[in-house]
């Protein structure tokens, strides 16, 4: 993989960064995991057309721009797979459609002051995320609260285009974690509200060191 990024200062408060990345994408299909109705009824193995599928590798190009003001305001736009990378030999040369991503957040100070050192330092950071890959799109909106070194968050995620281009609630996301200097540990739980019987909750634990 190769990448390039550049940052320009627009004013005393605002900076703009942009970047491009070129990287490989790999896709591999395991024929033994495919089970079709005719194969189950006849007892015969998966058809040869599936068995002959091999892994495929292609190149993808990504672009991104990021407008930010210190650690308070952040606005990002990303374009992934803008060259429509194709996995040749897989499912009639499977093409990957470009993905557009947009992110915006702003950090608000709600408690604490240099003039009141005994009060707890607290911040609220509302954010919005939007992803689009034709014909589907996804949005997430919510906020996290940071009280001293404790983090808690609440988000709502919804989908567009999943059922006759209608909006559908997908999940409520709950977060809790700790931040200590450069170390951040966050636990996240996705509570499904889609109504699908097969949809369950998802747990995620992330550990970051900056």
Protein backbone atom coordinates (compact mmCIF):
# COMPACT_ATOMS: atom_id res chain seq x y z
CA UNK A 1 0.00 0.00 0.00
CA UNK A 2 1.09 3.59 -0.68
CA UNK A 3 -0.35 6.85 0.61
CA UNK A 4 0.31 10.59 0.46
CA UNK A 5 -1.08 13.37 2.67
CA UNK A 6 -0.63 17.13 2.86
CA UNK A 7 -1.82 19.70 5.42
CA UNK A 8 -2.34 23.40 4.70
CA UNK A 9 -3.00 26.16 7.25
CA UNK A 10 -6.02 28.26 6.24
CA UNK A 11 -6.09 30.60 9.23
CA UNK A 12 -5.01 30.81 12.86
CA UNK A 13 -7.76 28.34 13.78
CA UNK A 14 -8.45 26.23 10.71
CA UNK A 15 -6.40 23.67 8.82
CA UNK A 16 -7.16 21.57 5.76
CA UNK A 17 -5.58 18.22 5.00
CA UNK A 18 -5.96 15.98 1.99
CA UNK A 19 -4.66 12.60 1.04
CA UNK A 20 -4.69 9.78 -1.45
CA UNK A 21 -4.07 6.07 -1.01
CA UNK A 22 -3.41 3.19 -3.37
CA UNK A 23 -3.81 -0.29 -1.98
CA UNK A 24 -4.62 -3.88 -2.80
CA UNK A 25 -7.97 -5.51 -2.10
CA UNK A 26 -8.30 -9.28 -1.85
CA UNK A 27 -11.39 -11.45 -2.03
CA UNK A 28 -11.49 -15.21 -1.56
CA UNK A 29 -14.47 -17.55 -1.81
CA UNK A 30 -14.55 -20.89 0.02
CA UNK A 31 -16.69 -23.21 -2.16
CA UNK A 32 -17.12 -25.76 0.64
CA UNK A 33 -19.16 -23.20 2.61
CA UNK A 34 -21.76 -22.79 -0.15
CA UNK A 35 -24.88 -24.94 0.24
CA UNK A 36 -27.61 -24.70 -2.37
CA UNK A 37 -31.05 -26.30 -2.32
CA UNK A 38 -30.40 -28.66 -5.25
CA UNK A 39 -27.13 -29.86 -3.70
CA UNK A 40 -28.84 -30.57 -0.37
CA UNK A 41 -31.67 -32.51 -2.04
CA UNK A 42 -29.44 -34.54 -4.39
CA UNK A 43 -26.60 -35.00 -1.94
CA UNK A 44 -24.11 -33.96 -4.64
CA UNK A 45 -21.33 -31.46 -3.91
CA UNK A 46 -21.43 -27.83 -4.96
CA UNK A 47 -21.39 -27.25 -8.70
CA UNK A 48 -18.04 -27.04 -10.50
CA UNK A 49 -18.63 -23.39 -11.42
CA UNK A 50 -18.45 -22.53 -7.74
CA UNK A 51 -15.65 -24.96 -6.95
CA UNK A 52 -13.43 -23.41 -9.61
CA UNK A 53 -13.60 -19.94 -8.10
CA UNK A 54 -10.26 -18.74 -6.80
CA UNK A 55 -9.10 -15.76 -4.81
CA UNK A 56 -8.67 -12.48 -6.65
CA UNK A 57 -6.66 -9.34 -5.92
CA UNK A 58 -7.15 -5.86 -7.35
CA UNK A 59 -6.02 -2.28 -6.79
CA UNK A 60 -8.20 0.40 -5.21
CA UNK A 61 -7.78 4.17 -5.04
CA UNK A 62 -9.06 6.25 -2.10
CA UNK A 63 -9.21 10.03 -1.61
CA UNK A 64 -10.00 12.09 1.47
CA UNK A 65 -10.10 15.66 2.77
CA UNK A 66 -10.27 16.79 6.39
CA UNK A 67 -11.13 20.29 7.66
CA UNK A 68 -10.44 20.82 11.36
CA UNK A 69 -9.98 23.44 14.04
CA UNK A 70 -7.69 22.20 16.81
CA UNK A 71 -9.38 19.34 18.66
CA UNK A 72 -12.85 20.92 18.67
CA UNK A 73 -14.34 20.85 15.18
CA UNK A 74 -13.76 18.15 12.58
CA UNK A 75 -15.29 17.71 9.11
CA UNK A 76 -14.18 14.90 6.80
CA UNK A 77 -15.12 13.64 3.35
CA UNK A 78 -13.83 10.34 2.01
CA UNK A 79 -14.08 8.60 -1.36
CA UNK A 80 -13.13 4.93 -1.41
CA UNK A 81 -12.67 2.71 -4.49
CA UNK A 82 -13.12 5.60 -6.92
CA UNK A 83 -11.63 3.51 -9.76
CA UNK A 84 -14.32 0.78 -9.51
CA UNK A 85 -11.81 -2.02 -8.75
CA UNK A 86 -12.81 -5.34 -10.32
CA UNK A 87 -12.18 -8.84 -8.97
CA UNK A 88 -11.62 -10.76 -12.20
CA UNK A 89 -12.77 -14.36 -12.34
CA UNK A 90 -15.15 -14.02 -9.40
CA UNK A 91 -18.89 -13.92 -10.10
CA UNK A 92 -18.50 -12.55 -13.64
CA UNK A 93 -15.77 -10.02 -12.75
CA UNK A 94 -17.25 -8.60 -9.58
CA UNK A 95 -16.86 -4.80 -9.47
CA UNK A 96 -16.63 -2.83 -6.24
CA UNK A 97 -18.74 0.31 -6.22
CA UNK A 98 -17.29 3.54 -4.80
CA UNK A 99 -18.15 4.46 -1.22
CA UNK A 100 -18.73 8.04 -0.06
CA UNK A 101 -18.29 8.83 3.62
CA UNK A 102 -18.96 12.08 5.49
CA UNK A 103 -18.15 12.83 9.12
CA UNK A 104 -18.68 15.92 11.27
CA UNK A 105 -18.23 16.54 15.00
CA UNK A 106 -17.83 19.41 17.43
CA UNK A 107 -16.49 19.28 20.99
CA UNK A 108 -18.34 21.43 23.55
CA UNK A 109 -17.08 22.23 27.01
CA UNK A 110 -19.95 21.93 29.49
CA UNK A 111 -18.15 21.99 32.83
CA UNK A 112 -14.81 22.92 34.32
CA UNK A 113 -12.74 26.07 34.18
CA UNK A 114 -9.26 27.31 34.90
CA UNK A 115 -10.86 29.72 37.33
CA UNK A 116 -12.78 26.93 39.11
CA UNK A 117 -10.21 24.15 39.55
CA UNK A 118 -12.42 22.11 41.89
CA UNK A 119 -15.11 21.46 39.28
CA UNK A 120 -15.09 18.37 37.06
CA UNK A 121 -13.85 18.80 33.50
CA UNK A 122 -16.61 17.65 31.13
CA UNK A 123 -17.11 17.79 27.38
CA UNK A 124 -19.94 16.83 25.03
CA UNK A 125 -19.09 15.83 21.44
CA UNK A 126 -22.07 15.41 19.09
CA UNK A 127 -21.25 13.78 15.76
CA UNK A 128 -22.82 12.72 12.48
CA UNK A 129 -21.66 9.99 10.06
CA UNK A 130 -23.09 9.24 6.61
CA UNK A 131 -22.03 6.39 4.30
CA UNK A 132 -23.24 5.78 0.75
CA UNK A 133 -22.57 2.89 -1.63
CA UNK A 134 -25.18 2.56 -4.36
CA UNK A 135 -27.98 1.69 -3.78
CA UNK A 136 -27.60 1.63 0.03
CA UNK A 137 -26.73 4.29 2.54
CA UNK A 138 -26.30 4.50 6.30
CA UNK A 139 -26.30 7.29 8.86
CA UNK A 140 -25.26 7.49 12.49
CA UNK A 141 -26.02 10.38 14.79
CA UNK A 142 -25.41 10.83 18.50
CA UNK A 143 -22.95 12.10 21.02
CA UNK A 144 -20.41 11.05 23.60
CA UNK A 145 -19.74 12.71 26.93
CA UNK A 146 -16.29 12.88 28.49
CA UNK A 147 -16.15 13.50 32.24
CA UNK A 148 -12.54 13.65 33.38
CA UNK A 149 -11.20 10.31 32.09
CA UNK A 150 -14.60 8.55 31.75
CA UNK A 151 -16.32 8.29 28.36
CA UNK A 152 -19.97 7.44 27.70
CA UNK A 153 -21.81 7.59 24.38
CA UNK A 154 -25.23 7.10 22.80
CA UNK A 155 -25.81 6.83 19.04
CA UNK A 156 -28.59 5.95 16.62
CA UNK A 157 -27.90 4.16 13.32
CA UNK A 158 -30.31 3.95 10.43
CA UNK A 159 -30.30 2.48 6.90
CA UNK A 160 -31.69 3.75 3.60
CA UNK A 161 -32.57 1.65 0.58
CA UNK A 162 -32.70 -1.66 2.42
CA UNK A 163 -36.45 -2.12 1.88
CA UNK A 164 -37.99 -0.34 -1.14
CA UNK A 165 -35.86 2.78 -0.58
CA UNK A 166 -37.45 3.34 2.83
CA UNK A 167 -35.60 4.50 5.92
CA UNK A 168 -35.21 1.80 8.57
CA UNK A 169 -33.88 2.05 12.09
CA UNK A 170 -31.01 -0.39 12.53
CA UNK A 171 -29.43 -0.07 15.98
CA UNK A 172 -28.94 1.90 19.16
CA UNK A 173 -25.24 2.06 20.04
CA UNK A 174 -24.13 2.31 23.66
CA UNK A 175 -20.53 3.11 24.57
CA UNK A 176 -18.47 3.33 27.75
CA UNK A 177 -14.76 3.69 28.24
CA UNK A 178 -11.73 5.27 29.83
CA UNK A 179 -9.12 7.68 28.49
CA UNK A 180 -5.82 8.12 30.29
CA UNK A 181 -3.28 10.37 28.57
CA UNK A 182 -2.50 8.51 25.30
CA UNK A 183 -4.41 5.32 26.11
CA UNK A 184 -8.10 4.92 25.25
CA UNK A 185 -10.25 1.85 25.96
CA UNK A 186 -13.86 1.78 24.74
CA UNK A 187 -16.54 -0.91 24.95
CA UNK A 188 -19.42 -0.64 22.49
CA UNK A 189 -22.70 -2.55 22.25
CA UNK A 190 -25.03 -2.39 19.24
CA UNK A 191 -28.63 -3.04 20.27
CA UNK A 192 -30.58 -4.06 17.17
CA UNK A 193 -33.94 -2.33 16.58
CA UNK A 194 -34.39 -3.55 13.00
CA UNK A 195 -36.96 -6.18 13.93
CA UNK A 196 -35.15 -8.94 12.03
CA UNK A 197 -35.26 -12.26 13.88
CA UNK A 198 -31.65 -13.08 13.00
CA UNK A 199 -30.33 -9.72 14.20
CA UNK A 200 -28.71 -9.80 17.60
CA UNK A 201 -26.57 -7.49 19.67
CA UNK A 202 -22.94 -6.88 18.75
CA UNK A 203 -20.12 -6.35 21.23
CA UNK A 204 -16.94 -4.48 20.39
CA UNK A 205 -13.87 -3.63 22.46
CA UNK A 206 -11.30 -1.16 21.10
CA UNK A 207 -7.93 -0.26 22.62
CA UNK A 208 -6.10 2.71 21.10
CA UNK A 209 -2.78 4.27 21.96
CA UNK A 210 -2.11 7.70 20.48
